Amino acid sequence: MSFVAKLVNPAFYQQQYASLARSMTAYYSPLFQSGSVKPLWHMMIATSVIMYTQNYVFNKGPKIQAARQEQKKALEEYYANHGISHHH
């Protein structure tokens, strides 16, 4: 089966999910049963990575870039209006 055919086949995703679920169960079950703190740390790290990535991509990234462009344009206009070279 070609790569594209796999991507459009729902069975491929079901198989991948089942494989991931099996491997995670095999890894985390003994840790939960023994009372290890490792699963908690993994969940906290995953939550932080997802949260900060979403925050940057959907909020800060575009807003900060737009604000920087606006500030750069405003400074150029200010320097042009006041006869100041911004390379001093």
N, C-alpha and C. Protein backbone atom coordinates (compact mmCIF):
# COMPACT_ATOMS: atom_id res chain seq x y z
N MET A 1 0.85 -1.18 0.00
CA MET A 1 0.00 0.00 0.00
C MET A 1 0.90 1.24 0.00
N SER A 2 0.55 2.19 -0.82
CA SER A 2 1.37 3.40 -0.91
C SER A 2 1.16 4.29 0.32
N PHE A 3 2.06 5.23 0.45
CA PHE A 3 2.01 6.14 1.60
C PHE A 3 0.74 6.97 1.59
N VAL A 4 0.35 7.48 0.43
CA VAL A 4 -0.85 8.32 0.34
C VAL A 4 -2.09 7.49 0.64
N ALA A 5 -2.11 6.27 0.17
CA ALA A 5 -3.26 5.40 0.45
C ALA A 5 -3.39 5.14 1.94
N LYS A 6 -2.26 5.01 2.64
CA LYS A 6 -2.31 4.83 4.09
C LYS A 6 -2.89 6.06 4.77
N LEU A 7 -2.50 7.24 4.28
CA LEU A 7 -2.95 8.48 4.92
C LEU A 7 -4.46 8.69 4.81
N VAL A 8 -5.07 8.20 3.75
CA VAL A 8 -6.51 8.41 3.57
C VAL A 8 -7.34 7.24 4.10
N ASN A 9 -6.68 6.21 4.59
CA ASN A 9 -7.38 5.03 5.09
C ASN A 9 -7.58 5.16 6.61
N PRO A 10 -8.83 5.18 7.08
CA PRO A 10 -9.07 5.29 8.52
C PRO A 10 -8.50 4.12 9.32
N ALA A 11 -8.39 2.96 8.72
CA ALA A 11 -7.85 1.80 9.43
C ALA A 11 -6.40 2.04 9.84
N PHE A 12 -5.68 2.81 9.05
CA PHE A 12 -4.29 3.14 9.38
C PHE A 12 -4.23 3.90 10.70
N TYR A 13 -5.12 4.87 10.86
CA TYR A 13 -5.14 5.66 12.09
C TYR A 13 -5.62 4.83 13.28
N GLN A 14 -6.57 3.94 13.06
CA GLN A 14 -7.02 3.06 14.13
C GLN A 14 -5.89 2.15 14.59
N GLN A 15 -5.13 1.64 13.63
CA GLN A 15 -3.99 0.77 13.95
C GLN A 15 -2.92 1.55 14.71
N GLN A 16 -2.63 2.76 14.29
CA GLN A 16 -1.63 3.58 14.98
C GLN A 16 -2.07 3.91 16.40
N TYR A 17 -3.35 4.25 16.56
CA TYR A 17 -3.87 4.56 17.90
C TYR A 17 -3.80 3.33 18.80
N ALA A 18 -4.19 2.17 18.26
CA ALA A 18 -4.15 0.94 19.06
C ALA A 18 -2.72 0.62 19.47
N SER A 19 -1.78 0.81 18.57
CA SER A 19 -0.38 0.55 18.88
C SER A 19 0.13 1.51 19.95
N LEU A 20 -0.23 2.79 19.84
CA LEU A 20 0.17 3.78 20.83
C LEU A 20 -0.44 3.46 22.20
N ALA A 21 -1.71 3.10 22.20
CA ALA A 21 -2.39 2.77 23.46
C ALA A 21 -1.74 1.55 24.12
N ARG A 22 -1.42 0.53 23.32
CA ARG A 22 -0.77 -0.66 23.88
C ARG A 22 0.59 -0.32 24.48
N SER A 23 1.38 0.44 23.75
CA SER A 23 2.73 0.75 24.24
C SER A 23 2.68 1.65 25.48
N MET A 24 1.75 2.61 25.49
CA MET A 24 1.64 3.48 26.67
C MET A 24 1.14 2.69 27.88
N THR A 25 0.20 1.79 27.66
CA THR A 25 -0.29 0.96 28.77
C THR A 25 0.83 0.09 29.32
N ALA A 26 1.61 -0.49 28.43
CA ALA A 26 2.72 -1.35 28.88
C ALA A 26 3.76 -0.53 29.64
N TYR A 27 3.96 0.72 29.25
CA TYR A 27 4.97 1.55 29.91
C TYR A 27 4.47 2.13 31.23
N TYR A 28 3.24 2.66 31.22
CA TYR A 28 2.76 3.40 32.40
C TYR A 28 2.08 2.54 33.46
N SER A 29 1.52 1.39 33.11
CA SER A 29 0.84 0.56 34.11
C SER A 29 1.73 0.21 35.29
N PRO A 30 2.93 -0.31 35.06
CA PRO A 30 3.79 -0.61 36.22
C PRO A 30 4.15 0.63 37.03
N LEU A 31 4.29 1.76 36.35
CA LEU A 31 4.64 2.99 37.06
C LEU A 31 3.50 3.45 37.96
N PHE A 32 2.25 3.38 37.44
CA PHE A 32 1.09 3.75 38.26
C PHE A 32 0.93 2.79 39.44
N GLN A 33 1.11 1.51 39.17
CA GLN A 33 0.93 0.51 40.23
C GLN A 33 1.97 0.64 41.34
N SER A 34 3.17 1.08 40.97
CA SER A 34 4.22 1.21 41.99
C SER A 34 4.17 2.56 42.70
N GLY A 35 3.31 3.46 42.23
CA GLY A 35 3.20 4.77 42.86
C GLY A 35 4.30 5.73 42.45
N SER A 36 4.86 5.53 41.27
CA SER A 36 5.94 6.38 40.79
C SER A 36 5.42 7.78 40.45
N VAL A 37 6.29 8.76 40.57
CA VAL A 37 5.94 10.13 40.24
C VAL A 37 6.20 10.43 38.76
N LYS A 38 6.86 9.53 38.06
CA LYS A 38 7.24 9.75 36.66
C LYS A 38 6.04 10.06 35.75
N PRO A 39 4.90 9.34 35.85
CA PRO A 39 3.76 9.69 34.99
C PRO A 39 3.26 11.12 35.23
N LEU A 40 3.29 11.55 36.49
CA LEU A 40 2.87 12.92 36.79
C LEU A 40 3.78 13.92 36.10
N TRP A 41 5.08 13.70 36.18
CA TRP A 41 6.02 14.60 35.52
C TRP A 41 5.80 14.61 34.01
N HIS A 42 5.56 13.44 33.43
CA HIS A 42 5.32 13.38 31.99
C HIS A 42 4.07 14.16 31.60
N MET A 43 3.01 14.03 32.39
CA MET A 43 1.78 14.78 32.11
C MET A 43 1.99 16.28 32.26
N MET A 44 2.74 16.68 33.28
CA MET A 44 3.00 18.11 33.49
C MET A 44 3.84 18.69 32.35
N ILE A 45 4.84 17.96 31.91
CA ILE A 45 5.69 18.44 30.81
C ILE A 45 4.88 18.52 29.53
N ALA A 46 4.07 17.49 29.24
CA ALA A 46 3.25 17.51 28.03
C ALA A 46 2.26 18.67 28.06
N THR A 47 1.62 18.89 29.20
CA THR A 47 0.68 20.00 29.33
C THR A 47 1.37 21.34 29.11
N SER A 48 2.55 21.51 29.68
CA SER A 48 3.29 22.77 29.52
C SER A 48 3.69 23.00 28.08
N VAL A 49 4.19 21.97 27.43
CA VAL A 49 4.62 22.12 26.03
C VAL A 49 3.43 22.49 25.15
N ILE A 50 2.32 21.78 25.33
CA ILE A 50 1.13 22.07 24.53
C ILE A 50 0.62 23.47 24.83
N MET A 51 0.54 23.85 26.10
CA MET A 51 0.00 25.15 26.49
C MET A 51 0.85 26.30 25.93
N TYR A 52 2.17 26.23 26.13
CA TYR A 52 3.02 27.31 25.67
C TYR A 52 3.10 27.38 24.14
N THR A 53 3.05 26.23 23.49
CA THR A 53 3.06 26.23 22.03
C THR A 53 1.79 26.88 21.49
N GLN A 54 0.65 26.50 22.02
CA GLN A 54 -0.60 27.11 21.58
C GLN A 54 -0.63 28.60 21.89
N ASN A 55 -0.15 28.98 23.04
CA ASN A 55 -0.13 30.39 23.42
C ASN A 55 0.71 31.20 22.43
N TYR A 56 1.87 30.67 22.06
CA TYR A 56 2.73 31.40 21.13
C TYR A 56 2.13 31.42 19.73
N VAL A 57 1.68 30.28 19.25
CA VAL A 57 1.19 30.19 17.88
C VAL A 57 -0.07 31.02 17.68
N PHE A 58 -1.02 30.93 18.61
CA PHE A 58 -2.31 31.57 18.40
C PHE A 58 -2.42 32.96 19.02
N ASN A 59 -1.59 33.29 19.98
CA ASN A 59 -1.72 34.59 20.63
C ASN A 59 -0.50 35.47 20.42
N LYS A 60 0.59 35.10 21.03
CA LYS A 60 1.74 35.99 21.07
C LYS A 60 2.48 36.10 19.75
N GLY A 61 2.58 35.03 19.02
CA GLY A 61 3.33 35.07 17.77
C GLY A 61 2.85 36.16 16.83
N PRO A 62 1.62 36.07 16.34
CA PRO A 62 1.13 37.08 15.40
C PRO A 62 1.00 38.47 16.02
N LYS A 63 0.57 38.54 17.28
CA LYS A 63 0.39 39.83 17.92
C LYS A 63 1.72 40.54 18.13
N ILE A 64 2.71 39.82 18.59
CA ILE A 64 4.01 40.43 18.82
C ILE A 64 4.63 40.87 17.50
N GLN A 65 4.53 40.04 16.47
CA GLN A 65 5.09 40.40 15.18
C GLN A 65 4.39 41.63 14.61
N ALA A 66 3.08 41.70 14.75
CA ALA A 66 2.35 42.88 14.27
C ALA A 66 2.74 44.12 15.06
N ALA A 67 2.89 43.98 16.37
CA ALA A 67 3.29 45.12 17.20
C ALA A 67 4.69 45.60 16.84
N ARG A 68 5.59 44.68 16.56
CA ARG A 68 6.95 45.07 16.17
C ARG A 68 6.96 45.81 14.84
N GLN A 69 6.17 45.34 13.90
CA GLN A 69 6.09 46.02 12.61
C GLN A 69 5.49 47.42 12.77
N GLU A 70 4.46 47.52 13.61
CA GLU A 70 3.83 48.82 13.86
C GLU A 70 4.81 49.77 14.53
N GLN A 71 5.56 49.27 15.51
CA GLN A 71 6.54 50.10 16.20
C GLN A 71 7.65 50.54 15.25
N LYS A 72 8.11 49.65 14.41
CA LYS A 72 9.16 49.98 13.45
C LYS A 72 8.68 51.07 12.49
N LYS A 73 7.45 50.93 12.01
CA LYS A 73 6.90 51.93 11.09
C LYS A 73 6.73 53.27 11.81
N ALA A 74 6.24 53.24 13.05
CA ALA A 74 6.05 54.48 13.81
C ALA A 74 7.38 55.18 14.07
N LEU A 75 8.42 54.42 14.39
CA LEU A 75 9.74 55.03 14.62
C LEU A 75 10.30 55.63 13.34
N GLU A 76 10.12 54.94 12.22
CA GLU A 76 10.59 55.49 10.94
C GLU A 76 9.88 56.80 10.62
N GLU A 77 8.56 56.84 10.85
CA GLU A 77 7.81 58.08 10.62
C GLU A 77 8.27 59.18 11.58
N TYR A 78 8.50 58.83 12.84
CA TYR A 78 8.96 59.81 13.82
C TYR A 78 10.31 60.38 13.41
N TYR A 79 11.24 59.51 13.04
CA TYR A 79 12.57 59.97 12.63
C TYR A 79 12.48 60.83 11.38
N ALA A 80 11.62 60.47 10.44
CA ALA A 80 11.48 61.25 9.21
C ALA A 80 10.88 62.62 9.52
N ASN A 81 9.90 62.69 10.41
CA ASN A 81 9.24 63.95 10.74
C ASN A 81 10.14 64.88 11.55
N HIS A 82 11.03 64.33 12.36
CA HIS A 82 11.86 65.15 13.22
C HIS A 82 13.29 65.31 12.71
N GLY A 83 13.56 64.75 11.56
CA GLY A 83 14.89 64.90 10.98
C GLY A 83 15.97 64.19 11.76
N ILE A 84 15.63 63.14 12.43
CA ILE A 84 16.60 62.40 13.24
C ILE A 84 16.99 61.14 12.48
N SER A 85 18.27 60.88 12.46
CA SER A 85 18.74 59.63 11.87
C SER A 85 18.68 58.55 12.94
N HIS A 86 18.07 57.44 12.62
CA HIS A 86 17.96 56.38 13.61
C HIS A 86 19.23 55.54 13.69
N HIS A 87 20.25 55.92 12.95
CA HIS A 87 21.54 55.21 12.99
C HIS A 87 22.58 56.01 13.74
N HIS A 88 22.19 56.72 14.79
CA HIS A 88 23.17 57.53 15.52
C HIS A 88 23.76 56.84 16.70
